[in-house]
Amino acid sequence: DFKGEEQFHSGVSDRATYYKIEDLFEHKNSEERIFVFDVTMQNHGGYERQEYEPQDSIHAENINCEEANLYLSLINESDKAFGELIQYFEGKSEKVIICMFGDHQPMFEDESFYEQIYAQTEIDKIFNQYKTPFIIWANYDIPEQDDIDISANYLGALLLETAGIPENSYFNFLTEQMKDYPVITVNGYKDSKGNVSQWSGDGTELLNYRILQYYELFD
């Protein structure tokens, strides 16, 4: 679907996927509502230089890491492209809401990089490597929030709530569970008091959630 589009580092550029979103928006029927889930590939690892690379525009400070310089330069290009996407939808009269998030921090071959930038225990390191910022933006007024510490499994529920779209029973469950366990990841979970736990392996933690997930996936 993207043959001939701009290539950047690990695949089609972020900007090219945003042009596709704009094209879908421009060519939909006036009464049609669309949902697009855009998984970008531009910044995917590894971070050795390839054919389609930016010149280093951002450099890591106080550490010598070519992988970090490339990654930061790629992220800088992503930021510019995302800014253009926001600028495009700012001027539209139809309500638009955008959620942007990442699934993990970059995985560098030089693991000593993380030891130098984080003062952390081993479990802190596990959680930090999967901690990323996210943003929910709209071209109309929505409630503003900052410093929300949640895991990606809750983003759908938060997005529906922010958009004012009624949630179904599954998302209602997530909204309530988020109050007690705001972070649930493959590596462990964090409760509302900030206590971090790793999975025991016996499958007993958050049993209702496990049952509901199984039902949604397989039943």
Protein backbone atom coordinates (compact mmCIF):
# COMPACT_ATOMS: atom_id res chain seq x y z
CA ASP A 1 0.00 0.00 0.00
CA PHE A 2 2.98 2.33 0.45
CA LYS A 3 5.08 1.45 -2.58
CA GLY A 4 7.02 4.46 -3.76
CA GLU A 5 6.54 6.39 -0.53
CA GLU A 6 9.38 8.05 1.37
CA GLN A 7 11.66 5.58 3.16
CA PHE A 8 13.36 6.48 6.42
CA HIS A 9 15.64 4.27 8.53
CA SER A 10 13.54 1.11 9.12
CA GLY A 11 10.73 1.63 6.62
CA VAL A 12 8.11 4.04 5.39
CA SER A 13 8.53 7.43 7.05
CA ASP A 14 6.17 8.71 9.74
CA ARG A 15 5.36 11.66 7.49
CA ALA A 16 4.23 9.34 4.65
CA THR A 17 1.78 7.53 6.96
CA TYR A 18 0.39 10.90 8.08
CA TYR A 19 -0.14 11.89 4.45
CA LYS A 20 -2.14 8.66 4.08
CA ILE A 21 -4.30 9.62 7.09
CA GLU A 22 -4.91 13.06 5.60
CA ASP A 23 -5.82 11.45 2.27
CA LEU A 24 -8.34 9.12 3.96
CA PHE A 25 -9.85 12.11 5.74
CA GLU A 26 -10.08 14.19 2.57
CA HIS A 27 -11.80 11.41 0.57
CA LYS A 28 -14.32 10.15 3.12
CA ASN A 29 -18.01 10.99 2.85
CA SER A 30 -19.05 14.10 4.77
CA GLU A 31 -21.14 12.04 7.22
CA GLU A 32 -18.62 9.23 7.57
CA ARG A 33 -16.58 8.81 10.75
CA ILE A 34 -13.21 7.08 10.51
CA PHE A 35 -10.84 5.45 12.99
CA VAL A 36 -7.22 4.92 11.96
CA PHE A 37 -4.65 2.93 13.95
CA ASP A 38 -1.28 3.94 12.51
CA VAL A 39 1.70 1.79 13.51
CA THR A 40 4.77 3.65 12.29
CA MET A 41 8.04 1.85 11.51
CA GLN A 42 10.47 4.69 10.87
CA ASN A 43 12.23 4.56 14.25
CA HIS A 44 12.26 0.81 14.78
CA GLY A 45 15.58 -0.72 15.86
CA GLY A 46 18.35 -1.52 15.37
CA TYR A 47 20.19 1.74 15.37
CA GLU A 48 23.15 1.10 13.13
CA ARG A 49 23.23 3.40 10.10
CA GLN A 50 21.39 2.17 7.02
CA GLU A 51 20.63 3.53 3.54
CA TYR A 52 17.88 6.01 4.43
CA GLU A 53 19.12 7.95 7.42
CA PRO A 54 18.94 11.56 8.62
CA GLN A 55 22.05 13.52 9.36
CA ASP A 56 22.60 13.64 13.12
CA SER A 57 20.77 16.75 14.29
CA ILE A 58 20.56 15.80 17.97
CA HIS A 59 23.44 14.45 20.06
CA ALA A 60 23.35 12.75 23.45
CA GLU A 61 25.12 14.81 26.08
CA ASN A 62 27.80 13.54 28.47
CA ILE A 63 27.89 10.14 26.78
CA ASN A 64 29.42 8.80 23.59
CA CYS A 65 26.75 6.68 21.91
CA GLU A 66 26.25 6.69 18.13
CA GLU A 67 23.06 4.63 18.50
CA ALA A 68 21.57 7.29 20.78
CA ASN A 69 22.53 10.09 18.37
CA LEU A 70 20.76 8.31 15.51
CA TYR A 71 17.68 7.49 17.58
CA LEU A 72 17.36 11.05 18.91
CA SER A 73 17.74 12.44 15.39
CA LEU A 74 15.02 10.08 14.16
CA ILE A 75 12.74 11.16 17.01
CA ASN A 76 13.40 14.78 16.08
CA GLU A 77 12.16 14.04 12.54
CA SER A 78 9.10 12.28 14.02
CA ASP A 79 8.36 15.34 16.14
CA LYS A 80 8.40 17.59 13.07
CA ALA A 81 6.10 15.25 11.13
CA PHE A 82 3.69 14.95 14.07
CA GLY A 83 3.63 18.74 14.34
CA GLU A 84 2.61 18.93 10.68
CA LEU A 85 -0.20 16.41 11.28
CA ILE A 86 -1.49 18.46 14.21
CA GLN A 87 -1.28 21.65 12.15
CA TYR A 88 -3.29 19.99 9.36
CA PHE A 89 -6.16 18.98 11.66
CA GLU A 90 -6.14 22.21 13.68
CA GLY A 91 -7.89 23.96 10.84
CA LYS A 92 -10.63 21.37 10.31
CA SER A 93 -14.20 22.08 11.46
CA GLU A 94 -14.98 18.40 12.05
CA LYS A 95 -13.98 17.14 15.49
CA VAL A 96 -10.72 15.20 15.43
CA ILE A 97 -8.91 13.52 18.32
CA ILE A 98 -5.43 12.03 18.12
CA CYS A 99 -3.61 9.75 20.55
CA MET A 100 0.14 9.29 20.06
CA PHE A 101 2.15 6.78 22.11
CA GLY A 102 5.12 4.45 21.96
CA ASP A 103 5.43 0.87 23.18
CA HIS A 104 9.00 0.89 24.53
CA GLN A 105 12.23 2.84 24.67
CA PRO A 106 14.95 2.10 22.08
CA MET A 107 16.87 -1.14 22.51
CA PHE A 108 20.54 -0.34 21.97
CA GLU A 109 23.22 -2.98 21.47
CA ASP A 110 25.33 -1.10 24.02
CA GLU A 111 23.41 -1.91 27.21
CA SER A 112 25.84 0.16 29.29
CA PHE A 113 24.04 3.22 27.91
CA TYR A 114 21.09 2.58 30.24
CA GLU A 115 23.32 2.06 33.24
CA GLN A 116 24.83 5.49 32.69
CA ILE A 117 21.57 7.45 32.31
CA TYR A 118 19.47 5.77 35.02
CA ALA A 119 20.13 5.36 38.73
CA GLN A 120 17.98 2.30 39.15
CA THR A 121 17.41 -1.09 40.66
CA GLU A 122 16.96 -4.05 38.33
CA ILE A 123 13.16 -3.87 38.49
CA ASP A 124 13.30 -0.10 37.88
CA LYS A 125 15.36 -0.84 34.78
CA ILE A 126 12.79 -3.35 33.51
CA PHE A 127 9.95 -0.85 33.92
CA ASN A 128 11.91 2.17 32.64
CA GLN A 129 12.77 0.48 29.35
CA TYR A 130 9.05 0.24 28.56
CA LYS A 131 8.07 3.68 29.87
CA THR A 132 7.16 6.20 27.18
CA PRO A 133 5.22 9.46 27.05
CA PHE A 134 1.84 9.75 25.34
CA ILE A 135 -0.40 12.59 24.25
CA ILE A 136 -4.12 12.92 23.55
CA TRP A 137 -4.78 15.99 21.41
CA ALA A 138 -8.01 17.34 19.91
CA ASN A 139 -8.89 20.23 17.64
CA TYR A 140 -11.59 21.22 20.13
CA ASP A 141 -11.61 21.80 23.88
CA ILE A 142 -11.06 18.69 26.03
CA PRO A 143 -10.14 18.44 29.72
CA GLU A 144 -6.42 18.96 30.28
CA GLN A 145 -4.41 16.49 32.37
CA ASP A 146 -0.71 16.09 33.08
CA ASP A 147 1.55 13.46 34.68
CA ILE A 148 -0.80 10.51 34.12
CA ASP A 149 1.05 7.27 34.88
CA ILE A 150 -0.87 4.43 33.20
CA SER A 151 -0.08 1.47 30.99
CA ALA A 152 -1.04 1.14 27.33
CA ASN A 153 -3.90 -1.29 28.01
CA TYR A 154 -5.86 1.62 29.50
CA LEU A 155 -5.32 4.09 26.66
CA GLY A 156 -8.42 2.95 24.77
CA ALA A 157 -10.65 3.55 27.79
CA LEU A 158 -9.05 6.95 28.47
CA LEU A 159 -9.41 7.93 24.82
CA LEU A 160 -13.11 7.00 24.73
CA GLU A 161 -13.73 8.91 27.96
CA THR A 162 -11.88 11.97 26.62
CA ALA A 163 -13.83 11.84 23.35
CA GLY A 164 -17.13 11.52 25.20
CA ILE A 165 -17.93 8.19 23.54
CA PRO A 166 -19.92 5.75 25.71
CA GLU A 167 -17.78 2.82 26.85
CA ASN A 168 -18.85 -0.81 26.68
CA SER A 169 -18.67 -3.19 29.65
CA TYR A 170 -15.04 -4.15 28.90
CA PHE A 171 -13.80 -0.56 28.92
CA ASN A 172 -15.93 0.20 31.99
CA PHE A 173 -14.10 -2.63 33.75
CA LEU A 174 -10.72 -1.20 32.71
CA THR A 175 -11.67 2.28 33.92
CA GLU A 176 -12.50 0.92 37.37
CA GLN A 177 -9.44 -1.36 37.53
CA MET A 178 -7.17 1.53 36.56
CA LYS A 179 -8.01 3.24 39.86
CA ASP A 180 -6.40 0.38 41.81
CA TYR A 181 -3.78 -0.85 39.33
CA PRO A 182 -2.81 2.00 36.97
CA VAL A 183 0.14 0.15 35.44
CA ILE A 184 -0.03 -3.45 34.18
CA THR A 185 2.73 -4.73 31.91
CA VAL A 186 4.26 -7.99 30.78
CA ASN A 187 7.03 -7.38 33.35
CA GLY A 188 4.84 -6.65 36.37
CA TYR A 189 2.30 -4.21 37.75
CA LYS A 190 2.02 -1.13 39.96
CA ASP A 191 -0.82 -0.32 42.37
CA SER A 192 -2.32 3.09 43.10
CA LYS A 193 0.08 3.56 46.05
CA GLY A 194 3.11 3.14 43.81
CA ASN A 195 4.02 -0.38 44.96
CA VAL A 196 5.67 -2.36 42.15
CA SER A 197 5.31 -6.15 41.88
CA GLN A 198 6.56 -8.75 39.45
CA TRP A 199 4.34 -11.60 38.33
CA SER A 200 4.52 -14.70 40.51
CA GLY A 201 4.07 -17.04 37.55
CA ASP A 202 1.14 -18.94 39.07
CA GLY A 203 -1.52 -16.88 37.27
CA THR A 204 -3.48 -15.82 40.36
CA GLU A 205 -2.95 -12.05 40.28
CA LEU A 206 -5.74 -9.92 38.77
CA LEU A 207 -7.72 -13.07 38.08
CA ASN A 208 -10.92 -11.32 36.95
CA TYR A 209 -8.91 -9.36 34.40
CA ARG A 210 -7.27 -12.55 33.14
CA ILE A 211 -10.67 -14.23 32.75
CA LEU A 212 -12.12 -11.24 30.94
CA GLN A 213 -9.14 -11.06 28.58
CA TYR A 214 -9.50 -14.77 27.79
CA TYR A 215 -13.20 -14.29 27.09
CA GLU A 216 -12.59 -11.31 24.78
CA LEU A 217 -9.80 -13.10 22.89
CA PHE A 218 -11.02 -16.66 22.59
CA ASP A 219 -14.65 -17.21 23.69
